[in-house]
PDB file of all heavy atoms in Angstrom:
ATOM      1  N   PHE A   1      15.772 -13.303  -7.982  1.00  0.00           N
ATOM      2  CA  PHE A   1      15.636 -14.738  -8.150  1.00  0.00           C
ATOM      3  C   PHE A   1      16.961 -15.440  -8.434  1.00  0.00           C
ATOM      4  O   PHE A   1      16.997 -16.634  -8.684  1.00  0.00           O
ATOM      5  CB  PHE A   1      14.630 -15.036  -9.271  1.00  0.00           C
ATOM      6  CG  PHE A   1      13.284 -14.459  -9.010  1.00  0.00           C
ATOM      7  CD1 PHE A   1      12.876 -13.317  -9.674  1.00  0.00           C
ATOM      8  CD2 PHE A   1      12.442 -15.014  -8.087  1.00  0.00           C
ATOM      9  CE1 PHE A   1      11.636 -12.761  -9.430  1.00  0.00           C
ATOM     10  CE2 PHE A   1      11.209 -14.459  -7.825  1.00  0.00           C
ATOM     11  CZ  PHE A   1      10.801 -13.333  -8.502  1.00  0.00           C
ATOM     12  N   ASP A   2      18.065 -14.702  -8.387  1.00  0.00           N
ATOM     13  CA  ASP A   2      19.369 -15.307  -8.587  1.00  0.00           C
ATOM     14  C   ASP A   2      19.938 -15.904  -7.314  1.00  0.00           C
ATOM     15  O   ASP A   2      20.978 -16.551  -7.347  1.00  0.00           O
ATOM     16  CB  ASP A   2      20.364 -14.275  -9.139  1.00  0.00           C
ATOM     17  CG  ASP A   2      20.119 -13.946 -10.598  1.00  0.00           C
ATOM     18  OD1 ASP A   2      19.431 -14.736 -11.271  1.00  0.00           O
ATOM     19  OD2 ASP A   2      20.616 -12.905 -11.064  1.00  0.00           O
ATOM     20  N   LEU A   3      19.304 -15.688  -6.197  1.00  0.00           N
ATOM     21  CA  LEU A   3      19.892 -16.045  -4.909  1.00  0.00           C
ATOM     22  C   LEU A   3      19.451 -17.395  -4.373  1.00  0.00           C
ATOM     23  O   LEU A   3      19.755 -17.744  -3.253  1.00  0.00           O
ATOM     24  CB  LEU A   3      19.597 -14.960  -3.882  1.00  0.00           C
ATOM     25  CG  LEU A   3      20.262 -13.614  -4.154  1.00  0.00           C
ATOM     26  CD1 LEU A   3      19.946 -12.637  -3.060  1.00  0.00           C
ATOM     27  CD2 LEU A   3      21.764 -13.762  -4.277  1.00  0.00           C
ATOM     28  N   GLY A   4      18.722 -18.161  -5.132  1.00  0.00           N
ATOM     29  CA  GLY A   4      18.365 -19.477  -4.668  1.00  0.00           C
ATOM     30  C   GLY A   4      16.987 -19.894  -5.106  1.00  0.00           C
ATOM     31  O   GLY A   4      16.332 -19.203  -5.876  1.00  0.00           O
ATOM     32  N   PRO A   5      16.523 -21.047  -4.637  1.00  0.00           N
ATOM     33  CA  PRO A   5      15.207 -21.545  -5.013  1.00  0.00           C
ATOM     34  C   PRO A   5      14.095 -20.563  -4.662  1.00  0.00           C
ATOM     35  O   PRO A   5      14.004 -20.103  -3.525  1.00  0.00           O
ATOM     36  CB  PRO A   5      15.075 -22.833  -4.196  1.00  0.00           C
ATOM     37  CG  PRO A   5      16.476 -23.200  -3.814  1.00  0.00           C
ATOM     38  CD  PRO A   5      17.219 -21.926  -3.697  1.00  0.00           C
ATOM     39  N   ARG A   6      13.248 -20.246  -5.633  1.00  0.00           N
ATOM     40  CA  ARG A   6      12.234 -19.239  -5.432  1.00  0.00           C
ATOM     41  C   ARG A   6      11.240 -19.613  -4.342  1.00  0.00           C
ATOM     42  O   ARG A   6      10.720 -18.738  -3.654  1.00  0.00           O
ATOM     43  CB  ARG A   6      11.479 -18.990  -6.745  1.00  0.00           C
ATOM     44  CG  ARG A   6      10.447 -17.883  -6.618  1.00  0.00           C
ATOM     45  CD  ARG A   6       9.671 -17.675  -7.898  1.00  0.00           C
ATOM     46  NE  ARG A   6       8.640 -16.661  -7.696  1.00  0.00           N
ATOM     47  CZ  ARG A   6       7.681 -16.387  -8.543  1.00  0.00           C
ATOM     48  NH1 ARG A   6       7.612 -17.041  -9.663  1.00  0.00           N
ATOM     49  NH2 ARG A   6       6.791 -15.466  -8.273  1.00  0.00           N
ATOM     50  N   GLU A   7      11.007 -20.914  -4.149  1.00  0.00           N
ATOM     51  CA  GLU A   7       9.997 -21.301  -3.174  1.00  0.00           C
ATOM     52  C   GLU A   7      10.368 -20.895  -1.752  1.00  0.00           C
ATOM     53  O   GLU A   7       9.517 -20.858  -0.861  1.00  0.00           O
ATOM     54  CB  GLU A   7       9.754 -22.820  -3.216  1.00  0.00           C
ATOM     55  CG  GLU A   7      10.984 -23.681  -2.930  1.00  0.00           C
ATOM     56  CD  GLU A   7      11.672 -24.110  -4.220  1.00  0.00           C
ATOM     57  OE1 GLU A   7      11.494 -23.401  -5.225  1.00  0.00           O
ATOM     58  OE2 GLU A   7      12.384 -25.116  -4.208  1.00  0.00           O
ATOM     59  N   TYR A   8      11.635 -20.580  -1.546  1.00  0.00           N
ATOM     60  CA  TYR A   8      12.040 -20.153  -0.217  1.00  0.00           C
ATOM     61  C   TYR A   8      11.731 -18.689   0.047  1.00  0.00           C
ATOM     62  O   TYR A   8      11.707 -18.238   1.177  1.00  0.00           O
ATOM     63  CB  TYR A   8      13.543 -20.377  -0.009  1.00  0.00           C
ATOM     64  CG  TYR A   8      13.908 -21.823   0.242  1.00  0.00           C
ATOM     65  CD1 TYR A   8      14.475 -22.597  -0.744  1.00  0.00           C
ATOM     66  CD2 TYR A   8      13.683 -22.401   1.473  1.00  0.00           C
ATOM     67  CE1 TYR A   8      14.825 -23.912  -0.515  1.00  0.00           C
ATOM     68  CE2 TYR A   8      14.029 -23.715   1.715  1.00  0.00           C
ATOM     69  CZ  TYR A   8      14.598 -24.467   0.719  1.00  0.00           C
ATOM     70  OH  TYR A   8      14.938 -25.773   0.942  1.00  0.00           O
ATOM     71  N   TRP A   9      11.550 -17.939  -1.007  1.00  0.00           N
ATOM     72  CA  TRP A   9      11.365 -16.499  -0.847  1.00  0.00           C
ATOM     73  C   TRP A   9       9.902 -16.143  -0.995  1.00  0.00           C
ATOM     74  O   TRP A   9       9.099 -16.893  -1.564  1.00  0.00           O
ATOM     75  CB  TRP A   9      12.177 -15.716  -1.882  1.00  0.00           C
ATOM     76  CG  TRP A   9      13.534 -16.258  -2.126  1.00  0.00           C
ATOM     77  CD1 TRP A   9      14.134 -16.486  -3.328  1.00  0.00           C
ATOM     78  CD2 TRP A   9      14.514 -16.666  -1.161  1.00  0.00           C
ATOM     79  NE1 TRP A   9      15.384 -16.996  -3.178  1.00  0.00           N
ATOM     80  CE2 TRP A   9      15.640 -17.120  -1.863  1.00  0.00           C
ATOM     81  CE3 TRP A   9      14.525 -16.688   0.248  1.00  0.00           C
ATOM     82  CZ2 TRP A   9      16.769 -17.593  -1.221  1.00  0.00           C
ATOM     83  CZ3 TRP A   9      15.642 -17.152   0.885  1.00  0.00           C
ATOM     84  CH2 TRP A   9      16.758 -17.592   0.158  1.00  0.00           C
ATOM     85  N   ARG A  10       9.559 -14.975  -0.506  1.00  0.00           N
ATOM     86  CA  ARG A  10       8.208 -14.505  -0.710  1.00  0.00           C
ATOM     87  C   ARG A  10       7.968 -14.258  -2.187  1.00  0.00           C
ATOM     88  O   ARG A  10       8.852 -13.851  -2.916  1.00  0.00           O
ATOM     89  CB  ARG A  10       7.931 -13.238   0.099  1.00  0.00           C
ATOM     90  CG  ARG A  10       8.810 -12.048  -0.220  1.00  0.00           C
ATOM     91  CD  ARG A  10       8.430 -10.888   0.703  1.00  0.00           C
ATOM     92  NE  ARG A  10       9.390  -9.801   0.617  1.00  0.00           N
ATOM     93  CZ  ARG A  10       9.426  -8.881  -0.295  1.00  0.00           C
ATOM     94  NH1 ARG A  10       8.560  -8.907  -1.249  1.00  0.00           N
ATOM     95  NH2 ARG A  10      10.323  -7.925  -0.279  1.00  0.00           N
ATOM     96  N   LYS A  11       6.765 -14.514  -2.663  1.00  0.00           N
ATOM     97  CA  LYS A  11       6.454 -14.424  -4.076  1.00  0.00           C
ATOM     98  C   LYS A  11       6.399 -12.967  -4.514  1.00  0.00           C
ATOM     99  O   LYS A  11       5.813 -12.119  -3.863  1.00  0.00           O
ATOM    100  CB  LYS A  11       5.136 -15.122  -4.372  1.00  0.00           C
ATOM    101  CG  LYS A  11       5.166 -16.622  -4.093  1.00  0.00           C
ATOM    102  CD  LYS A  11       3.827 -17.262  -4.376  1.00  0.00           C
ATOM    103  CE  LYS A  11       3.883 -18.754  -4.068  1.00  0.00           C
ATOM    104  NZ  LYS A  11       2.576 -19.395  -4.306  1.00  0.00           N
ATOM    105  N   ALA A  12       6.998 -12.701  -5.625  1.00  0.00           N
ATOM    106  CA  ALA A  12       7.017 -11.359  -6.178  1.00  0.00           C
ATOM    107  C   ALA A  12       6.215 -11.327  -7.468  1.00  0.00           C
ATOM    108  O   ALA A  12       6.140 -12.312  -8.189  1.00  0.00           O
ATOM    109  CB  ALA A  12       8.451 -10.909  -6.450  1.00  0.00           C
ATOM    110  N   PRO A  13       5.563 -10.203  -7.775  1.00  0.00           N
ATOM    111  CA  PRO A  13       4.783 -10.116  -8.999  1.00  0.00           C
ATOM    112  C   PRO A  13       5.674 -10.172 -10.231  1.00  0.00           C
ATOM    113  O   PRO A  13       6.705  -9.518 -10.305  1.00  0.00           O
ATOM    114  CB  PRO A  13       4.095  -8.758  -8.862  1.00  0.00           C
ATOM    115  CG  PRO A  13       4.980  -7.963  -7.954  1.00  0.00           C
ATOM    116  CD  PRO A  13       5.571  -8.954  -7.002  1.00  0.00           C
ATOM    117  N   LEU A  14       5.285 -10.965 -11.196  1.00  0.00           N
ATOM    118  CA  LEU A  14       6.010 -11.081 -12.444  1.00  0.00           C
ATOM    119  C   LEU A  14       5.093 -10.720 -13.598  1.00  0.00           C
ATOM    120  O   LEU A  14       3.980 -11.220 -13.690  1.00  0.00           O
ATOM    121  CB  LEU A  14       6.543 -12.503 -12.642  1.00  0.00           C
ATOM    122  CG  LEU A  14       7.631 -12.981 -11.673  1.00  0.00           C
ATOM    123  CD1 LEU A  14       7.948 -14.440 -11.929  1.00  0.00           C
ATOM    124  CD2 LEU A  14       8.875 -12.152 -11.821  1.00  0.00           C
ATOM    125  N   ASP A  15       5.530  -9.861 -14.471  1.00  0.00           N
ATOM    126  CA  ASP A  15       4.795  -9.535 -15.669  1.00  0.00           C
ATOM    127  C   ASP A  15       5.775  -9.119 -16.749  1.00  0.00           C
ATOM    128  O   ASP A  15       6.983  -9.053 -16.529  1.00  0.00           O
ATOM    129  CB  ASP A  15       3.739  -8.447 -15.427  1.00  0.00           C
ATOM    130  CG  ASP A  15       4.327  -7.167 -14.821  1.00  0.00           C
ATOM    131  OD1 ASP A  15       5.311  -6.657 -15.381  1.00  0.00           O
ATOM    132  OD2 ASP A  15       3.798  -6.687 -13.815  1.00  0.00           O
ATOM    133  N   LYS A  16       5.258  -8.832 -17.949  1.00  0.00           N
ATOM    134  CA  LYS A  16       6.127  -8.531 -19.076  1.00  0.00           C
ATOM    135  C   LYS A  16       6.950  -7.267 -18.874  1.00  0.00           C
ATOM    136  O   LYS A  16       8.043  -7.124 -19.410  1.00  0.00           O
ATOM    137  CB  LYS A  16       5.296  -8.412 -20.358  1.00  0.00           C
ATOM    138  CG  LYS A  16       4.262  -7.282 -20.338  1.00  0.00           C
ATOM    139  CD  LYS A  16       3.480  -7.226 -21.643  1.00  0.00           C
ATOM    140  CE  LYS A  16       2.461  -6.073 -21.615  1.00  0.00           C
ATOM    141  NZ  LYS A  16       1.716  -5.994 -22.892  1.00  0.00           N
ATOM    142  N   ASP A  17       6.397  -6.320 -18.108  1.00  0.00           N
ATOM    143  CA  ASP A  17       7.114  -5.081 -17.865  1.00  0.00           C
ATOM    144  C   ASP A  17       8.113  -5.197 -16.714  1.00  0.00           C
ATOM    145  O   ASP A  17       9.064  -4.421 -16.629  1.00  0.00           O
ATOM    146  CB  ASP A  17       6.130  -3.946 -17.572  1.00  0.00           C
ATOM    147  CG  ASP A  17       5.216  -3.649 -18.754  1.00  0.00           C
ATOM    148  OD1 ASP A  17       5.715  -3.703 -19.896  1.00  0.00           O
ATOM    149  OD2 ASP A  17       4.022  -3.362 -18.522  1.00  0.00           O
ATOM    150  N   HIS A  18       7.886  -6.142 -15.817  1.00  0.00           N
ATOM    151  CA  HIS A  18       8.769  -6.346 -14.679  1.00  0.00           C
ATOM    152  C   HIS A  18       9.098  -7.829 -14.568  1.00  0.00           C
ATOM    153  O   HIS A  18       8.563  -8.534 -13.709  1.00  0.00           O
ATOM    154  CB  HIS A  18       8.129  -5.835 -13.390  1.00  0.00           C
ATOM    155  CG  HIS A  18       7.801  -4.385 -13.411  1.00  0.00           C
ATOM    156  ND1 HIS A  18       6.605  -3.909 -13.911  1.00  0.00           N
ATOM    157  CD2 HIS A  18       8.498  -3.287 -13.030  1.00  0.00           C
ATOM    158  CE1 HIS A  18       6.585  -2.602 -13.820  1.00  0.00           C
ATOM    159  NE2 HIS A  18       7.723  -2.195 -13.297  1.00  0.00           N
ATOM    160  N   PRO A  19       9.978  -8.334 -15.447  1.00  0.00           N
ATOM    161  CA  PRO A  19      10.293  -9.767 -15.430  1.00  0.00           C
ATOM    162  C   PRO A  19      11.027 -10.200 -14.167  1.00  0.00           C
ATOM    163  O   PRO A  19      11.074 -11.368 -13.845  1.00  0.00           O
ATOM    164  CB  PRO A  19      11.179  -9.938 -16.661  1.00  0.00           C
ATOM    165  CG  PRO A  19      11.784  -8.585 -16.885  1.00  0.00           C
ATOM    166  CD  PRO A  19      10.711  -7.607 -16.489  1.00  0.00           C
ATOM    167  N   PHE A  20      11.611  -9.280 -13.443  1.00  0.00           N
ATOM    168  CA  PHE A  20      12.240  -9.574 -12.167  1.00  0.00           C
ATOM    169  C   PHE A  20      12.228  -8.306 -11.327  1.00  0.00           C
ATOM    170  O   PHE A  20      11.956  -7.217 -11.804  1.00  0.00           O
ATOM    171  CB  PHE A  20      13.675 -10.075 -12.352  1.00  0.00           C
ATOM    172  CG  PHE A  20      14.610  -9.043 -12.932  1.00  0.00           C
ATOM    173  CD1 PHE A  20      15.292  -8.167 -12.112  1.00  0.00           C
ATOM    174  CD2 PHE A  20      14.798  -8.957 -14.306  1.00  0.00           C
ATOM    175  CE1 PHE A  20      16.137  -7.209 -12.643  1.00  0.00           C
ATOM    176  CE2 PHE A  20      15.653  -7.994 -14.844  1.00  0.00           C
ATOM    177  CZ  PHE A  20      16.324  -7.126 -14.009  1.00  0.00           C
ATOM    178  N   ARG A  21      12.498  -8.438 -10.074  1.00  0.00           N
ATOM    179  CA  ARG A  21      12.631  -7.247  -9.249  1.00  0.00           C
ATOM    180  C   ARG A  21      13.939  -7.317  -8.503  1.00  0.00           C
ATOM    181  O   ARG A  21      14.501  -8.396  -8.282  1.00  0.00           O
ATOM    182  CB  ARG A  21      11.462  -7.116  -8.270  1.00  0.00           C
ATOM    183  CG  ARG A  21      11.471  -8.087  -7.113  1.00  0.00           C
ATOM    184  CD  ARG A  21      10.368  -7.706  -6.120  1.00  0.00           C
ATOM    185  NE  ARG A  21      10.313  -8.607  -4.993  1.00  0.00           N
ATOM    186  CZ  ARG A  21      11.124  -8.551  -3.953  1.00  0.00           C
ATOM    187  NH1 ARG A  21      12.075  -7.663  -3.908  1.00  0.00           N
ATOM    188  NH2 ARG A  21      11.003  -9.408  -2.959  1.00  0.00           N
ATOM    189  N   HIS A  22      14.450  -6.185  -8.147  1.00  0.00           N
ATOM    190  CA  HIS A  22      15.690  -6.126  -7.399  1.00  0.00           C
ATOM    191  C   HIS A  22      15.423  -6.296  -5.913  1.00  0.00           C
ATOM    192  O   HIS A  22      14.300  -6.199  -5.440  1.00  0.00           O
ATOM    193  CB  HIS A  22      16.414  -4.808  -7.669  1.00  0.00           C
ATOM    194  CG  HIS A  22      16.891  -4.679  -9.083  1.00  0.00           C
ATOM    195  ND1 HIS A  22      17.889  -5.475  -9.590  1.00  0.00           N
ATOM    196  CD2 HIS A  22      16.518  -3.872 -10.088  1.00  0.00           C
ATOM    197  CE1 HIS A  22      18.098  -5.142 -10.862  1.00  0.00           C
ATOM    198  NE2 HIS A  22      17.279  -4.180 -11.184  1.00  0.00           N
ATOM    199  N   LEU A  23      16.488  -6.566  -5.204  1.00  0.00           N
ATOM    200  CA  LEU A  23      16.380  -6.845  -3.790  1.00  0.00           C
ATOM    201  C   LEU A  23      16.160  -5.573  -2.983  1.00  0.00           C
ATOM    202  O   LEU A  23      16.700  -4.522  -3.290  1.00  0.00           O
ATOM    203  CB  LEU A  23      17.651  -7.537  -3.306  1.00  0.00           C
ATOM    204  CG  LEU A  23      17.913  -8.919  -3.921  1.00  0.00           C
ATOM    205  CD1 LEU A  23      19.400  -9.213  -3.895  1.00  0.00           C
ATOM    206  CD2 LEU A  23      17.179  -9.981  -3.167  1.00  0.00           C
ATOM    207  N   ASP A  24      15.371  -5.707  -1.954  1.00  0.00           N
ATOM    208  CA  ASP A  24      15.178  -4.632  -1.002  1.00  0.00           C
ATOM    209  C   ASP A  24      16.132  -4.877   0.166  1.00  0.00           C
ATOM    210  O   ASP A  24      16.248  -5.998   0.651  1.00  0.00           O
ATOM    211  CB  ASP A  24      13.727  -4.616  -0.518  1.00  0.00           C
ATOM    212  CG  ASP A  24      13.442  -3.428   0.366  1.00  0.00           C
ATOM    213  OD1 ASP A  24      13.845  -2.318   0.011  1.00  0.00           O
ATOM    214  OD2 ASP A  24      12.827  -3.611   1.433  1.00  0.00           O
ATOM    215  N   TYR A  25      16.841  -3.847   0.609  1.00  0.00           N
ATOM    216  CA  TYR A  25      17.843  -4.070   1.639  1.00  0.00           C
ATOM    217  C   TYR A  25      17.824  -2.979   2.701  1.00  0.00           C
ATOM    218  O   TYR A  25      17.318  -1.882   2.489  1.00  0.00           O
ATOM    219  CB  TYR A  25      19.244  -4.171   1.027  1.00  0.00           C
ATOM    220  CG  TYR A  25      19.793  -2.857   0.503  1.00  0.00           C
ATOM    221  CD1 TYR A  25      20.617  -2.057   1.290  1.00  0.00           C
ATOM    222  CD2 TYR A  25      19.505  -2.410  -0.783  1.00  0.00           C
ATOM    223  CE1 TYR A  25      21.128  -0.863   0.819  1.00  0.00           C
ATOM    224  CE2 TYR A  25      20.005  -1.217  -1.269  1.00  0.00           C
ATOM    225  CZ  TYR A  25      20.820  -0.447  -0.459  1.00  0.00           C
ATOM    226  OH  TYR A  25      21.314   0.752  -0.933  1.00  0.00           O
ATOM    227  N   GLY A  26      18.396  -3.310   3.846  1.00  0.00           N
ATOM    228  CA  GLY A  26      18.569  -2.364   4.926  1.00  0.00           C
ATOM    229  C   GLY A  26      19.978  -2.458   5.468  1.00  0.00           C
ATOM    230  O   GLY A  26      20.710  -3.409   5.191  1.00  0.00           O
ATOM    231  N   VAL A  27      20.365  -1.461   6.243  1.00  0.00           N
ATOM    232  CA  VAL A  27      21.706  -1.397   6.831  1.00  0.00           C
ATOM    233  C   VAL A  27      21.565  -1.299   8.337  1.00  0.00           C
ATOM    234  O   VAL A  27      20.695  -0.590   8.852  1.00  0.00           O
ATOM    235  CB  VAL A  27      22.506  -0.206   6.270  1.00  0.00           C
ATOM    236  CG1 VAL A  27      23.927  -0.190   6.853  1.00  0.00           C
ATOM    237  CG2 VAL A  27      22.567  -0.263   4.740  1.00  0.00           C
ATOM    238  N   SER A  28      22.421  -2.005   9.055  1.00  0.00           N
ATOM    239  CA  SER A  28      22.344  -2.083  10.508  1.00  0.00           C
ATOM    240  C   SER A  28      22.553  -0.736  11.175  1.00  0.00           C
ATOM    241  O   SER A  28      23.164   0.176  10.614  1.00  0.00           O
ATOM    242  CB  SER A  28      23.371  -3.080  11.041  1.00  0.00           C
ATOM    243  OG  SER A  28      24.690  -2.632  10.742  1.00  0.00           O
ATOM    244  N   GLY A  29      22.039  -0.646  12.411  1.00  0.00           N
ATOM    245  CA  GLY A  29      22.209   0.558  13.200  1.00  0.00           C
ATOM    246  C   GLY A  29      23.437   0.487  14.080  1.00  0.00           C
ATOM    247  O   GLY A  29      24.465  -0.087  13.699  1.00  0.00           O
ATOM    248  N   ALA A  30      23.326   1.073  15.248  1.00  0.00           N
ATOM    249  CA  ALA A  30      24.452   1.121  16.170  1.00  0.00           C
ATOM    250  C   ALA A  30      24.866  -0.282  16.602  1.00  0.00           C
ATOM    251  O   ALA A  30      24.067  -1.212  16.632  1.00  0.00           O
ATOM    252  CB  ALA A  30      24.085   1.947  17.404  1.00  0.00           C
ATOM    253  N   SER A  31      26.141  -0.418  16.930  1.00  0.00           N
ATOM    254  CA  SER A  31      26.686  -1.730  17.273  1.00  0.00           C
ATOM    255  C   SER A  31      26.051  -2.333  18.514  1.00  0.00           C
ATOM    256  O   SER A  31      26.060  -3.542  18.691  1.00  0.00           O
ATOM    257  CB  SER A  31      28.207  -1.624  17.467  1.00  0.00           C
ATOM    258  OG  SER A  31      28.517  -0.688  18.498  1.00  0.00           O
ATOM    259  N   ASN A  32      25.475  -1.489  19.389  1.00  0.00           N
ATOM    260  CA  ASN A  32      24.831  -2.008  20.596  1.00  0.00           C
ATOM    261  C   ASN A  32      23.369  -2.390  20.368  1.00  0.00           C
ATOM    262  O   ASN A  32      22.713  -2.890  21.265  1.00  0.00           O
ATOM    263  CB  ASN A  32      24.942  -0.998  21.743  1.00  0.00           C
ATOM    264  CG  ASN A  32      24.235   0.306  21.444  1.00  0.00           C
ATOM    265  OD1 ASN A  32      23.951   0.613  20.269  1.00  0.00           O
ATOM    266  ND2 ASN A  32      23.945   1.073  22.484  1.00  0.00           N
ATOM    267  N   ASP A  33      22.843  -2.138  19.169  1.00  0.00           N
ATOM    268  CA  ASP A  33      21.468  -2.501  18.842  1.00  0.00           C
ATOM    269  C   ASP A  33      21.383  -2.704  17.327  1.00  0.00           C
ATOM    270  O   ASP A  33      20.708  -1.970  16.616  1.00  0.00           O
ATOM    271  CB  ASP A  33      20.502  -1.412  19.308  1.00  0.00           C
ATOM    272  CG  ASP A  33      19.093  -1.956  19.546  1.00  0.00           C
ATOM    273  OD1 ASP A  33      18.860  -3.152  19.287  1.00  0.00           O
ATOM    274  OD2 ASP A  33      18.233  -1.197  20.001  1.00  0.00           O
ATOM    275  N   VAL A  34      22.060  -3.744  16.862  1.00  0.00           N
ATOM    276  CA  VAL A  34      22.323  -3.939  15.444  1.00  0.00           C
ATOM    277  C   VAL A  34      21.050  -4.050  14.620  1.00  0.00           C
ATOM    278  O   VAL A  34      20.933  -3.469  13.538  1.00  0.00           O
ATOM    279  CB  VAL A  34      23.198  -5.199  15.245  1.00  0.00           C
ATOM    280  CG1 VAL A  34      23.359  -5.502  13.764  1.00  0.00           C
ATOM    281  CG2 VAL A  34      24.551  -5.007  15.907  1.00  0.00           C
ATOM    282  N   PHE A  35      20.048  -4.770  15.122  1.00  0.00           N
ATOM    283  CA  PHE A  35      18.860  -5.071  14.333  1.00  0.00           C
ATOM    284  C   PHE A  35      17.685  -4.136  14.590  1.00  0.00           C
ATOM    285  O   PHE A  35      16.575  -4.412  14.140  1.00  0.00           O
ATOM    286  CB  PHE A  35      18.423  -6.522  14.581  1.00  0.00           C
ATOM    287  CG  PHE A  35      18.948  -7.470  13.551  1.00  0.00           C
ATOM    288  CD1 PHE A  35      20.240  -7.951  13.642  1.00  0.00           C
ATOM    289  CD2 PHE A  35      18.178  -7.856  12.469  1.00  0.00           C
ATOM    290  CE1 PHE A  35      20.745  -8.828  12.695  1.00  0.00           C
ATOM    291  CE2 PHE A  35      18.666  -8.719  11.512  1.00  0.00           C
ATOM    292  CZ  PHE A  35      19.958  -9.217  11.622  1.00  0.00           C
ATOM    293  N   GLU A  36      17.921  -3.045  15.287  1.00  0.00           N
ATOM    294  CA  GLU A  36      16.828  -2.129  15.565  1.00  0.00           C
ATOM    295  C   GLU A  36      16.209  -1.583  14.281  1.00  0.00           C
ATOM    296  O   GLU A  36      15.000  -1.389  14.182  1.00  0.00           O
ATOM    297  CB  GLU A  36      17.320  -0.970  16.436  1.00  0.00           C
ATOM    298  CG  GLU A  36      16.217   0.018  16.809  1.00  0.00           C
ATOM    299  CD  GLU A  36      16.725   1.205  17.592  1.00  0.00           C
ATOM    300  OE1 GLU A  36      17.958   1.370  17.684  1.00  0.00           O
ATOM    301  OE2 GLU A  36      15.898   1.963  18.112  1.00  0.00           O
TER     302      GLU A  36
END
């Protein structure tokens, strides 16, 4: 939630044990098919 207005992002579950969640990320593939 540090990356901008929350309404732009998909809603994440919030509770006392998980007050925030970390980002999920991926890494690109080969240069000829970057987003595969």
